[in-house]
Amino acid sequence: MDSEKRHELQLALDRALAGQGPVVISASSGKLITLQPDFTCFENHIEGTDEQGAPVKLPYDDIEKIHAADQ
């Protein structure tokens, strides 16, 4: 497990739950993924839903950057 990415995800989740916007992830593919604050961190990946309600499963290795929606 990538503990640094998991910690960043936790901080982003805390901001999202405080009403500061969704969690946005820059994936290694270049795609931006906007997650609802319902995701779960597993050993090697995260699972949740995107802003349209579609399921998302993303390995930690594919996460380039985690940031707030306004960044």
PDB file of N, CA and C in Angstrom:
ATOM      1  N   MET A   1       0.847  -1.181   0.000  1.00  0.00           N
ATOM      2  CA  MET A   1       0.000   0.000   0.000  1.00  0.00           C
ATOM      3  C   MET A   1       0.892   1.244   0.000  1.00  0.00           C
ATOM      4  N   ASP A   2       0.503   2.228  -0.754  1.00  0.00           N
ATOM      5  CA  ASP A   2       1.225   3.491  -0.806  1.00  0.00           C
ATOM      6  C   ASP A   2       0.668   4.385   0.299  1.00  0.00           C
ATOM      7  N   SER A   3       1.364   4.432   1.430  1.00  0.00           N
ATOM      8  CA  SER A   3       0.836   5.154   2.589  1.00  0.00           C
ATOM      9  C   SER A   3       0.770   6.662   2.343  1.00  0.00           C
ATOM     10  N   GLU A   4       1.673   7.215   1.532  1.00  0.00           N
ATOM     11  CA  GLU A   4       1.629   8.649   1.245  1.00  0.00           C
ATOM     12  C   GLU A   4       0.381   9.005   0.435  1.00  0.00           C
ATOM     13  N   LYS A   5       0.083   8.214  -0.586  1.00  0.00           N
ATOM     14  CA  LYS A   5      -1.118   8.480  -1.385  1.00  0.00           C
ATOM     15  C   LYS A   5      -2.378   8.264  -0.555  1.00  0.00           C
ATOM     16  N   ARG A   6      -2.348   7.260   0.283  1.00  0.00           N
ATOM     17  CA  ARG A   6      -3.522   7.020   1.125  1.00  0.00           C
ATOM     18  C   ARG A   6      -3.745   8.190   2.084  1.00  0.00           C
ATOM     19  N   HIS A   7      -2.661   8.731   2.627  1.00  0.00           N
ATOM     20  CA  HIS A   7      -2.774   9.894   3.517  1.00  0.00           C
ATOM     21  C   HIS A   7      -3.321  11.097   2.751  1.00  0.00           C
ATOM     22  N   GLU A   8      -2.831  11.330   1.533  1.00  0.00           N
ATOM     23  CA  GLU A   8      -3.339  12.430   0.707  1.00  0.00           C
ATOM     24  C   GLU A   8      -4.824  12.235   0.397  1.00  0.00           C
ATOM     25  N   LEU A   9      -5.213  10.993   0.131  1.00  0.00           N
ATOM     26  CA  LEU A   9      -6.633  10.700  -0.117  1.00  0.00           C
ATOM     27  C   LEU A   9      -7.474  10.999   1.118  1.00  0.00           C
ATOM     28  N   GLN A  10      -6.961  10.664   2.282  1.00  0.00           N
ATOM     29  CA  GLN A  10      -7.689  10.930   3.517  1.00  0.00           C
ATOM     30  C   GLN A  10      -7.880  12.428   3.728  1.00  0.00           C
ATOM     31  N   LEU A  11      -6.832  13.206   3.473  1.00  0.00           N
ATOM     32  CA  LEU A  11      -6.940  14.656   3.612  1.00  0.00           C
ATOM     33  C   LEU A  11      -7.945  15.229   2.610  1.00  0.00           C
ATOM     34  N   ALA A  12      -7.904  14.732   1.373  1.00  0.00           N
ATOM     35  CA  ALA A  12      -8.853  15.186   0.355  1.00  0.00           C
ATOM     36  C   ALA A  12     -10.277  14.794   0.733  1.00  0.00           C
ATOM     37  N   LEU A  13     -10.445  13.607   1.294  1.00  0.00           N
ATOM     38  CA  LEU A  13     -11.768  13.164   1.742  1.00  0.00           C
ATOM     39  C   LEU A  13     -12.282  14.065   2.861  1.00  0.00           C
ATOM     40  N   ASP A  14     -11.414  14.405   3.798  1.00  0.00           N
ATOM     41  CA  ASP A  14     -11.817  15.303   4.886  1.00  0.00           C
ATOM     42  C   ASP A  14     -12.291  16.643   4.341  1.00  0.00           C
ATOM     43  N   ARG A  15     -11.575  17.197   3.345  1.00  0.00           N
ATOM     44  CA  ARG A  15     -11.980  18.470   2.733  1.00  0.00           C
ATOM     45  C   ARG A  15     -13.321  18.321   2.023  1.00  0.00           C
ATOM     46  N   ALA A  16     -13.485  17.206   1.307  1.00  0.00           N
ATOM     47  CA  ALA A  16     -14.740  16.977   0.577  1.00  0.00           C
ATOM     48  C   ALA A  16     -15.918  16.865   1.535  1.00  0.00           C
ATOM     49  N   LEU A  17     -15.727  16.143   2.616  1.00  0.00           N
ATOM     50  CA  LEU A  17     -16.810  15.984   3.586  1.00  0.00           C
ATOM     51  C   LEU A  17     -17.135  17.286   4.310  1.00  0.00           C
ATOM     52  N   ALA A  18     -16.162  18.194   4.352  1.00  0.00           N
ATOM     53  CA  ALA A  18     -16.390  19.502   4.972  1.00  0.00           C
ATOM     54  C   ALA A  18     -17.045  20.473   3.989  1.00  0.00           C
ATOM     55  N   GLY A  19     -17.393  19.975   2.800  1.00  0.00           N
ATOM     56  CA  GLY A  19     -18.093  20.802   1.828  1.00  0.00           C
ATOM     57  C   GLY A  19     -17.200  21.637   0.944  1.00  0.00           C
ATOM     58  N   GLN A  20     -15.929  21.282   0.868  1.00  0.00           N
ATOM     59  CA  GLN A  20     -14.987  22.065   0.079  1.00  0.00           C
ATOM     60  C   GLN A  20     -14.809  21.518  -1.335  1.00  0.00           C
ATOM     61  N   GLY A  21     -15.735  20.718  -1.796  1.00  0.00           N
ATOM     62  CA  GLY A  21     -15.676  20.200  -3.164  1.00  0.00           C
ATOM     63  C   GLY A  21     -15.289  18.744  -3.210  1.00  0.00           C
ATOM     64  N   PRO A  22     -15.446  18.141  -4.373  1.00  0.00           N
ATOM     65  CA  PRO A  22     -15.151  16.718  -4.525  1.00  0.00           C
ATOM     66  C   PRO A  22     -13.653  16.444  -4.546  1.00  0.00           C
ATOM     67  N   VAL A  23     -13.296  15.183  -4.527  1.00  0.00           N
ATOM     68  CA  VAL A  23     -11.909  14.756  -4.628  1.00  0.00           C
ATOM     69  C   VAL A  23     -11.591  14.558  -6.107  1.00  0.00           C
ATOM     70  N   VAL A  24     -10.553  15.223  -6.579  1.00  0.00           N
ATOM     71  CA  VAL A  24     -10.151  15.114  -7.976  1.00  0.00           C
ATOM     72  C   VAL A  24      -8.781  14.456  -8.031  1.00  0.00           C
ATOM     73  N   ILE A  25      -8.678  13.449  -8.889  1.00  0.00           N
ATOM     74  CA  ILE A  25      -7.432  12.702  -9.030  1.00  0.00           C
ATOM     75  C   ILE A  25      -6.943  12.825 -10.464  1.00  0.00           C
ATOM     76  N   SER A  26      -5.676  13.178 -10.607  1.00  0.00           N
ATOM     77  CA  SER A  26      -5.027  13.139 -11.914  1.00  0.00           C
ATOM     78  C   SER A  26      -4.449  11.744 -12.068  1.00  0.00           C
ATOM     79  N   ALA A  27      -4.950  11.006 -13.057  1.00  0.00           N
ATOM     80  CA  ALA A  27      -4.476   9.641 -13.290  1.00  0.00           C
ATOM     81  C   ALA A  27      -3.271   9.655 -14.229  1.00  0.00           C
ATOM     82  N   SER A  28      -2.493   8.602 -14.197  1.00  0.00           N
ATOM     83  CA  SER A  28      -1.310   8.512 -15.045  1.00  0.00           C
ATOM     84  C   SER A  28      -1.664   8.526 -16.527  1.00  0.00           C
ATOM     85  N   SER A  29      -2.912   8.229 -16.865  1.00  0.00           N
ATOM     86  CA  SER A  29      -3.377   8.274 -18.254  1.00  0.00           C
ATOM     87  C   SER A  29      -3.605   9.702 -18.732  1.00  0.00           C
ATOM     88  N   GLY A  30      -3.526  10.665 -17.804  1.00  0.00           N
ATOM     89  CA  GLY A  30      -3.795  12.055 -18.131  1.00  0.00           C
ATOM     90  C   GLY A  30      -5.229  12.465 -17.859  1.00  0.00           C
ATOM     91  N   LYS A  31      -6.047  11.516 -17.501  1.00  0.00           N
ATOM     92  CA  LYS A  31      -7.466  11.770 -17.232  1.00  0.00           C
ATOM     93  C   LYS A  31      -7.658  12.305 -15.818  1.00  0.00           C
ATOM     94  N   LEU A  32      -8.593  13.245 -15.671  1.00  0.00           N
ATOM     95  CA  LEU A  32      -8.989  13.720 -14.349  1.00  0.00           C
ATOM     96  C   LEU A  32     -10.223  12.935 -13.910  1.00  0.00           C
ATOM     97  N   ILE A  33     -10.166  12.391 -12.721  1.00  0.00           N
ATOM     98  CA  ILE A  33     -11.267  11.613 -12.175  1.00  0.00           C
ATOM     99  C   ILE A  33     -11.803  12.354 -10.958  1.00  0.00           C
ATOM    100  N   THR A  34     -13.084  12.686 -10.984  1.00  0.00           N
ATOM    101  CA  THR A  34     -13.729  13.372  -9.870  1.00  0.00           C
ATOM    102  C   THR A  34     -14.518  12.346  -9.079  1.00  0.00           C
ATOM    103  N   LEU A  35     -14.100  12.139  -7.834  1.00  0.00           N
ATOM    104  CA  LEU A  35     -14.741  11.145  -6.972  1.00  0.00           C
ATOM    105  C   LEU A  35     -15.694  11.794  -5.980  1.00  0.00           C
ATOM    106  N   GLN A  36     -16.786  11.121  -5.737  1.00  0.00           N
ATOM    107  CA  GLN A  36     -17.658  11.492  -4.638  1.00  0.00           C
ATOM    108  C   GLN A  36     -16.973  11.031  -3.351  1.00  0.00           C
ATOM    109  N   PRO A  37     -17.298  11.635  -2.221  1.00  0.00           N
ATOM    110  CA  PRO A  37     -16.630  11.248  -0.969  1.00  0.00           C
ATOM    111  C   PRO A  37     -17.183   9.947  -0.384  1.00  0.00           C
ATOM    112  N   ASP A  38     -17.293   8.928  -1.230  1.00  0.00           N
ATOM    113  CA  ASP A  38     -17.775   7.621  -0.776  1.00  0.00           C
ATOM    114  C   ASP A  38     -16.755   6.523  -1.055  1.00  0.00           C
ATOM    115  N   PHE A  39     -15.537   6.918  -1.399  1.00  0.00           N
ATOM    116  CA  PHE A  39     -14.560   5.911  -1.802  1.00  0.00           C
ATOM    117  C   PHE A  39     -13.949   5.190  -0.604  1.00  0.00           C
ATOM    118  N   THR A  40     -13.409   4.018  -0.886  1.00  0.00           N
ATOM    119  CA  THR A  40     -12.754   3.192   0.115  1.00  0.00           C
ATOM    120  C   THR A  40     -11.345   2.889  -0.352  1.00  0.00           C
ATOM    121  N   CYS A  41     -10.390   3.000   0.553  1.00  0.00           N
ATOM    122  CA  CYS A  41      -8.997   2.666   0.254  1.00  0.00           C
ATOM    123  C   CYS A  41      -8.750   1.200   0.597  1.00  0.00           C
ATOM    124  N   PHE A  42      -8.287   0.453  -0.387  1.00  0.00           N
ATOM    125  CA  PHE A  42      -7.928  -0.945  -0.191  1.00  0.00           C
ATOM    126  C   PHE A  42      -6.406  -1.086  -0.231  1.00  0.00           C
ATOM    127  N   GLU A  43      -5.917  -2.294  -0.165  1.00  0.00           N
ATOM    128  CA  GLU A  43      -4.475  -2.562  -0.132  1.00  0.00           C
ATOM    129  C   GLU A  43      -3.737  -1.930  -1.310  1.00  0.00           C
ATOM    130  N   ASN A  44      -4.249  -2.099  -2.532  1.00  0.00           N
ATOM    131  CA  ASN A  44      -3.537  -1.647  -3.729  1.00  0.00           C
ATOM    132  C   ASN A  44      -4.324  -0.673  -4.592  1.00  0.00           C
ATOM    133  N   HIS A  45      -5.552  -0.337  -4.195  1.00  0.00           N
ATOM    134  CA  HIS A  45      -6.392   0.498  -5.038  1.00  0.00           C
ATOM    135  C   HIS A  45      -7.472   1.199  -4.216  1.00  0.00           C
ATOM    136  N   ILE A  46      -8.186   2.094  -4.881  1.00  0.00           N
ATOM    137  CA  ILE A  46      -9.361   2.708  -4.273  1.00  0.00           C
ATOM    138  C   ILE A  46     -10.580   2.347  -5.116  1.00  0.00           C
ATOM    139  N   GLU A  47     -11.732   2.315  -4.474  1.00  0.00           N
ATOM    140  CA  GLU A  47     -12.998   2.071  -5.155  1.00  0.00           C
ATOM    141  C   GLU A  47     -14.006   3.101  -4.661  1.00  0.00           C
ATOM    142  N   GLY A  48     -14.803   3.598  -5.578  1.00  0.00           N
ATOM    143  CA  GLY A  48     -15.824   4.578  -5.235  1.00  0.00           C
ATOM    144  C   GLY A  48     -16.688   4.849  -6.439  1.00  0.00           C
ATOM    145  N   THR A  49     -17.294   6.043  -6.458  1.00  0.00           N
ATOM    146  CA  THR A  49     -18.114   6.445  -7.593  1.00  0.00           C
ATOM    147  C   THR A  49     -17.668   7.827  -8.055  1.00  0.00           C
ATOM    148  N   ASP A  50     -17.808   8.043  -9.368  1.00  0.00           N
ATOM    149  CA  ASP A  50     -17.450   9.351  -9.905  1.00  0.00           C
ATOM    150  C   ASP A  50     -18.625  10.305  -9.782  1.00  0.00           C
ATOM    151  N   GLU A  51     -18.470  11.502 -10.333  1.00  0.00           N
ATOM    152  CA  GLU A  51     -19.508  12.522 -10.159  1.00  0.00           C
ATOM    153  C   GLU A  51     -20.818  12.176 -10.848  1.00  0.00           C
ATOM    154  N   GLN A  52     -20.795  11.243 -11.815  1.00  0.00           N
ATOM    155  CA  GLN A  52     -22.026  10.788 -12.465  1.00  0.00           C
ATOM    156  C   GLN A  52     -22.600   9.534 -11.807  1.00  0.00           C
ATOM    157  N   GLY A  53     -21.935   9.024 -10.784  1.00  0.00           N
ATOM    158  CA  GLY A  53     -22.409   7.837 -10.091  1.00  0.00           C
ATOM    159  C   GLY A  53     -21.883   6.534 -10.660  1.00  0.00           C
ATOM    160  N   ALA A  54     -20.968   6.605 -11.628  1.00  0.00           N
ATOM    161  CA  ALA A  54     -20.381   5.390 -12.204  1.00  0.00           C
ATOM    162  C   ALA A  54     -19.304   4.845 -11.268  1.00  0.00           C
ATOM    163  N   PRO A  55     -19.190   3.517 -11.168  1.00  0.00           N
ATOM    164  CA  PRO A  55     -18.175   2.946 -10.299  1.00  0.00           C
ATOM    165  C   PRO A  55     -16.764   3.227 -10.812  1.00  0.00           C
ATOM    166  N   VAL A  56     -15.845   3.447  -9.860  1.00  0.00           N
ATOM    167  CA  VAL A  56     -14.438   3.708 -10.173  1.00  0.00           C
ATOM    168  C   VAL A  56     -13.577   2.767  -9.344  1.00  0.00           C
ATOM    169  N   LYS A  57     -12.623   2.141 -10.005  1.00  0.00           N
ATOM    170  CA  LYS A  57     -11.612   1.333  -9.322  1.00  0.00           C
ATOM    171  C   LYS A  57     -10.271   1.780  -9.887  1.00  0.00           C
ATOM    172  N   LEU A  58      -9.407   2.320  -9.023  1.00  0.00           N
ATOM    173  CA  LEU A  58      -8.162   2.913  -9.482  1.00  0.00           C
ATOM    174  C   LEU A  58      -7.002   2.438  -8.620  1.00  0.00           C
ATOM    175  N   PRO A  59      -5.999   1.773  -9.236  1.00  0.00           N
ATOM    176  CA  PRO A  59      -4.811   1.365  -8.484  1.00  0.00           C
ATOM    177  C   PRO A  59      -4.020   2.591  -8.012  1.00  0.00           C
ATOM    178  N   TYR A  60      -3.382   2.500  -6.864  1.00  0.00           N
ATOM    179  CA  TYR A  60      -2.552   3.594  -6.366  1.00  0.00           C
ATOM    180  C   TYR A  60      -1.478   3.971  -7.375  1.00  0.00           C
ATOM    181  N   ASP A  61      -0.949   2.997  -8.095  1.00  0.00           N
ATOM    182  CA  ASP A  61       0.109   3.258  -9.077  1.00  0.00           C
ATOM    183  C   ASP A  61      -0.355   4.166 -10.201  1.00  0.00           C
ATOM    184  N   ASP A  62      -1.663   4.238 -10.448  1.00  0.00           N
ATOM    185  CA  ASP A  62      -2.206   5.083 -11.508  1.00  0.00           C
ATOM    186  C   ASP A  62      -2.543   6.496 -11.036  1.00  0.00           C
ATOM    187  N   ILE A  63      -2.340   6.771  -9.755  1.00  0.00           N
ATOM    188  CA  ILE A  63      -2.645   8.091  -9.207  1.00  0.00           C
ATOM    189  C   ILE A  63      -1.395   8.960  -9.297  1.00  0.00           C
ATOM    190  N   GLU A  64      -1.504  10.043 -10.067  1.00  0.00           N
ATOM    191  CA  GLU A  64      -0.401  10.982 -10.210  1.00  0.00           C
ATOM    192  C   GLU A  64      -0.478  12.081  -9.148  1.00  0.00           C
ATOM    193  N   LYS A  65      -1.681  12.643  -8.969  1.00  0.00           N
ATOM    194  CA  LYS A  65      -1.864  13.747  -8.036  1.00  0.00           C
ATOM    195  C   LYS A  65      -3.289  13.728  -7.493  1.00  0.00           C
ATOM    196  N   ILE A  66      -3.412  14.112  -6.238  1.00  0.00           N
ATOM    197  CA  ILE A  66      -4.717  14.210  -5.578  1.00  0.00           C
ATOM    198  C   ILE A  66      -4.888  15.666  -5.168  1.00  0.00           C
ATOM    199  N   HIS A  67      -5.995  16.275  -5.576  1.00  0.00           N
ATOM    200  CA  HIS A  67      -6.178  17.684  -5.258  1.00  0.00           C
ATOM    201  C   HIS A  67      -7.647  18.026  -5.151  1.00  0.00           C
ATOM    202  N   ALA A  68      -7.902  19.216  -4.651  1.00  0.00           N
ATOM    203  CA  ALA A  68      -9.266  19.711  -4.517  1.00  0.00           C
ATOM    204  C   ALA A  68      -9.776  20.097  -5.891  1.00  0.00           C
ATOM    205  N   ALA A  69     -11.072  20.146  -6.064  1.00  0.00           N
ATOM    206  CA  ALA A  69     -11.687  20.439  -7.353  1.00  0.00           C
ATOM    207  C   ALA A  69     -11.289  21.793  -7.899  1.00  0.00           C
ATOM    208  N   ASP A  70     -10.959  22.740  -7.053  1.00  0.00           N
ATOM    209  CA  ASP A  70     -10.625  24.077  -7.519  1.00  0.00           C
ATOM    210  C   ASP A  70      -9.153  24.253  -7.862  1.00  0.00           C
ATOM    211  N   GLN A  71      -8.347  23.204  -7.793  1.00  0.00           N
ATOM    212  CA  GLN A  71      -6.926  23.306  -8.134  1.00  0.00           C
ATOM    213  C   GLN A  71      -6.685  22.986  -9.581  1.00  0.00           C
TER     214      GLN A  71
END
